[in-house]
């Protein structure tokens, strides 16, 4: 949670696991598809940058997953299955593109980007011949699991590329700069479910 605090990101606690059971979510849905790694109580609209509220939440639930409410003034993200995302990073590095933070779970990596609107994203994707179904979008009204949370797929969330330290504002590339490489790398990747990750 230190990065979220340092960059003034709106966060809230995730629902967590049922009595420490790594396979079951604490929410009432017995078939929850992202156990522990989603908002429940409080809901996503409660996300805040207020250090007093954040401190109160985690004092009561110290092991709660850390969720970033994406969009608005907060970072957004695009994610792919881990292997495809690693290929995309190689392509983007080869182009000399400066990247922002990359959040990794054992199964998916999320490239954080500057805030974008659904309309802007829709225009970019409309121009593509094909958009892989494994590509997910974390924009306005969405959320992203942050380190050091437990991932719903098992294991822990980590920084593949941490936020750059320093006095300047956090660097985030524009979505236009990364979308082509992500679409290319995601083609042929196993379907990771819905493209919309809200």
Protein backbone atom coordinates (compact mmCIF):
# COMPACT_ATOMS: atom_id res chain seq x y z
CA UNK A 1 0.00 0.00 0.00
CA UNK A 2 3.01 2.28 0.29
CA UNK A 3 3.07 3.02 -3.47
CA UNK A 4 -0.64 3.82 -3.47
CA UNK A 5 -0.10 6.24 -0.59
CA UNK A 6 3.02 7.79 -2.12
CA UNK A 7 1.27 8.50 -5.43
CA UNK A 8 -2.06 9.54 -3.88
CA UNK A 9 -4.01 6.78 -5.62
CA UNK A 10 -7.63 6.08 -4.59
CA UNK A 11 -7.70 2.66 -2.94
CA UNK A 12 -10.02 0.44 -0.94
CA UNK A 13 -9.72 -2.99 0.65
CA UNK A 14 -10.74 -6.07 -1.32
CA UNK A 15 -13.12 -8.60 0.17
CA UNK A 16 -10.39 -11.12 1.05
CA UNK A 17 -10.57 -14.88 1.58
CA UNK A 18 -13.00 -16.84 3.72
CA UNK A 19 -11.31 -17.53 7.07
CA UNK A 20 -7.90 -17.66 5.40
CA UNK A 21 -9.03 -20.36 2.93
CA UNK A 22 -7.04 -19.54 -0.21
CA UNK A 23 -9.66 -21.07 -2.52
CA UNK A 24 -12.82 -19.41 -1.17
CA UNK A 25 -13.90 -15.79 -1.30
CA UNK A 26 -15.37 -14.09 1.75
CA UNK A 27 -18.21 -12.67 -0.38
CA UNK A 28 -21.61 -14.44 -0.38
CA UNK A 29 -21.18 -15.82 -3.94
CA UNK A 30 -20.11 -19.49 -3.63
CA UNK A 31 -18.99 -19.45 -7.30
CA UNK A 32 -16.96 -16.22 -7.12
CA UNK A 33 -14.56 -16.11 -10.09
CA UNK A 34 -11.99 -13.78 -8.45
CA UNK A 35 -11.86 -15.04 -4.86
CA UNK A 36 -10.88 -12.29 -2.47
CA UNK A 37 -9.66 -9.95 -5.21
CA UNK A 38 -12.64 -7.65 -5.71
CA UNK A 39 -14.55 -4.92 -3.86
CA UNK A 40 -17.51 -5.90 -1.71
CA UNK A 41 -17.84 -3.96 1.53
CA UNK A 42 -17.07 -1.15 1.08
CA UNK A 43 -18.01 -0.88 -2.58
CA UNK A 44 -15.80 0.56 -5.30
CA UNK A 45 -17.27 4.05 -4.94
CA UNK A 46 -15.78 4.24 -1.44
CA UNK A 47 -12.20 4.29 -2.82
CA UNK A 48 -10.29 7.19 -1.31
CA UNK A 49 -6.91 8.89 -0.99
CA UNK A 50 -7.68 9.95 2.61
CA UNK A 51 -4.87 8.49 4.75
CA UNK A 52 -7.10 8.41 7.84
CA UNK A 53 -9.74 6.27 6.14
CA UNK A 54 -7.12 4.03 4.51
CA UNK A 55 -5.40 3.58 7.88
CA UNK A 56 -8.72 2.76 9.56
CA UNK A 57 -9.58 0.10 6.94
CA UNK A 58 -6.23 -1.68 7.13
CA UNK A 59 -5.98 -1.42 10.93
CA UNK A 60 -9.12 -3.55 11.05
CA UNK A 61 -8.24 -5.83 8.11
CA UNK A 62 -4.43 -5.84 7.80
CA UNK A 63 -4.40 -8.70 5.26
CA UNK A 64 -7.06 -7.22 2.96
CA UNK A 65 -6.12 -7.02 -0.73
CA UNK A 66 -5.27 -3.50 -1.95
CA UNK A 67 -7.51 -2.38 -4.82
CA UNK A 68 -6.80 0.71 -6.94
CA UNK A 69 -9.94 2.36 -8.31
CA UNK A 70 -8.89 3.04 -11.90
CA UNK A 71 -9.90 5.97 -14.08
CA UNK A 72 -10.76 9.56 -13.37
CA UNK A 73 -7.49 11.13 -12.22
CA UNK A 74 -6.09 7.71 -11.22
CA UNK A 75 -4.04 5.44 -13.50
CA UNK A 76 -5.81 3.04 -15.84
CA UNK A 77 -4.40 -0.26 -17.08
CA UNK A 78 -4.54 -2.86 -19.83
CA UNK A 79 -3.77 -6.49 -19.04
CA UNK A 80 -2.91 -9.73 -20.82
CA UNK A 81 -2.04 -13.27 -19.78
CA UNK A 82 1.50 -13.22 -18.33
CA UNK A 83 3.30 -14.84 -21.27
CA UNK A 84 1.65 -12.55 -23.85
CA UNK A 85 2.29 -9.48 -21.67
CA UNK A 86 5.98 -10.42 -21.37
CA UNK A 87 6.14 -10.52 -25.20
CA UNK A 88 4.49 -7.10 -25.36
CA UNK A 89 7.07 -5.64 -22.93
CA UNK A 90 9.90 -6.98 -25.12
CA UNK A 91 8.32 -5.28 -28.17
CA UNK A 92 7.76 -2.00 -26.35
CA UNK A 93 11.31 -2.02 -24.92
CA UNK A 94 12.70 -2.67 -28.42
CA UNK A 95 10.84 0.43 -29.64
CA UNK A 96 12.47 2.45 -26.87
CA UNK A 97 9.13 3.33 -25.28
CA UNK A 98 9.27 4.50 -21.70
CA UNK A 99 6.82 2.37 -19.73
CA UNK A 100 5.08 2.97 -16.44
CA UNK A 101 4.48 0.47 -13.65
CA UNK A 102 3.60 -3.12 -14.52
CA UNK A 103 1.61 -5.16 -11.98
CA UNK A 104 2.04 -8.96 -12.17
CA UNK A 105 0.01 -11.85 -10.80
CA UNK A 106 1.03 -15.45 -11.51
CA UNK A 107 -1.35 -15.49 -14.50
CA UNK A 108 -1.74 -11.87 -15.76
CA UNK A 109 0.32 -8.71 -16.10
CA UNK A 110 -1.22 -5.23 -16.17
CA UNK A 111 0.50 -2.27 -17.83
CA UNK A 112 -0.51 0.94 -16.10
CA UNK A 113 -1.26 3.87 -18.42
CA UNK A 114 -2.49 7.44 -18.17
CA UNK A 115 -6.24 7.79 -17.60
CA UNK A 116 -8.35 7.19 -20.71
CA UNK A 117 -12.06 7.31 -21.49
CA UNK A 118 -14.06 4.39 -22.87
CA UNK A 119 -14.80 6.52 -25.95
CA UNK A 120 -11.10 7.08 -26.61
CA UNK A 121 -10.31 3.40 -26.08
CA UNK A 122 -13.22 2.40 -28.32
CA UNK A 123 -11.88 4.55 -31.16
CA UNK A 124 -8.45 2.94 -30.88
CA UNK A 125 -9.84 -0.59 -30.85
CA UNK A 126 -12.36 0.05 -33.63
CA UNK A 127 -9.46 0.66 -36.01
CA UNK A 128 -8.04 -2.83 -35.31
CA UNK A 129 -8.80 -5.84 -37.52
CA UNK A 130 -8.94 -8.04 -34.43
CA UNK A 131 -8.89 -7.44 -30.68
CA UNK A 132 -7.91 -10.54 -28.67
CA UNK A 133 -10.46 -11.61 -26.10
CA UNK A 134 -7.60 -12.14 -23.62
CA UNK A 135 -6.99 -8.35 -23.49
CA UNK A 136 -8.70 -6.69 -20.53
CA UNK A 137 -9.24 -3.02 -19.81
CA UNK A 138 -9.17 -1.38 -16.38
CA UNK A 139 -10.58 2.11 -16.88
CA UNK A 140 -13.21 4.38 -15.36
CA UNK A 141 -15.31 2.39 -12.90
CA UNK A 142 -12.80 -0.45 -12.78
CA UNK A 143 -10.16 -1.63 -10.36
CA UNK A 144 -6.73 -3.20 -10.28
CA UNK A 145 -5.23 -5.44 -7.60
CA UNK A 146 -1.97 -3.97 -6.25
CA UNK A 147 1.01 -5.52 -4.43
CA UNK A 148 1.39 -7.07 -1.92
CA UNK A 149 -2.11 -8.56 -2.22
CA UNK A 150 -2.87 -12.24 -2.68
CA UNK A 151 -3.93 -12.97 -6.26
CA UNK A 152 -7.21 -14.73 -6.98
CA UNK A 153 -5.24 -17.24 -9.09
CA UNK A 154 -2.95 -18.07 -6.16
CA UNK A 155 0.41 -16.57 -5.28
CA UNK A 156 0.98 -12.88 -4.66
CA UNK A 157 0.71 -9.72 -6.70
CA UNK A 158 4.09 -8.11 -7.37
CA UNK A 159 5.65 -5.30 -9.35
CA UNK A 160 7.17 -6.58 -12.60
CA UNK A 161 8.20 -2.93 -13.03
CA UNK A 162 7.69 -0.78 -9.94
CA UNK A 163 6.61 2.86 -10.04
CA UNK A 164 9.64 5.06 -10.59
CA UNK A 165 10.81 6.73 -7.42
CA UNK A 166 11.58 10.43 -7.45
CA UNK A 167 10.15 13.89 -6.88
CA UNK A 168 8.49 14.14 -10.30
CA UNK A 169 4.96 13.02 -11.01
CA UNK A 170 4.50 9.31 -11.69
CA UNK A 171 5.27 8.52 -15.34
CA UNK A 172 2.43 6.82 -17.22
CA UNK A 173 2.44 6.31 -21.01
CA UNK A 174 -0.64 7.20 -23.04
CA UNK A 175 -2.83 4.24 -24.02
CA UNK A 176 -2.14 4.90 -27.72
CA UNK A 177 1.55 4.16 -27.13
CA UNK A 178 0.97 0.59 -25.88
CA UNK A 179 -2.26 -0.65 -27.45
CA UNK A 180 -0.72 -1.90 -30.72
CA UNK A 181 1.91 -4.01 -28.95
CA UNK A 182 -0.70 -5.44 -26.57
CA UNK A 183 -3.10 -6.34 -29.37
CA UNK A 184 -0.27 -7.99 -31.35
CA UNK A 185 1.05 -9.91 -28.34
CA UNK A 186 -2.45 -10.95 -27.25
CA UNK A 187 -3.32 -12.52 -30.59
CA UNK A 188 -3.12 -16.25 -30.07
CA UNK A 189 -3.00 -15.96 -26.29
CA UNK A 190 -5.47 -18.20 -24.44
CA UNK A 191 -8.80 -16.53 -23.76
CA UNK A 192 -8.69 -14.98 -20.31
CA UNK A 193 -12.40 -14.23 -20.13
CA UNK A 194 -14.16 -10.93 -20.72
CA UNK A 195 -12.14 -8.05 -22.12
CA UNK A 196 -13.84 -5.62 -19.76
CA UNK A 197 -12.38 -5.88 -16.28
CA UNK A 198 -14.72 -3.71 -14.23
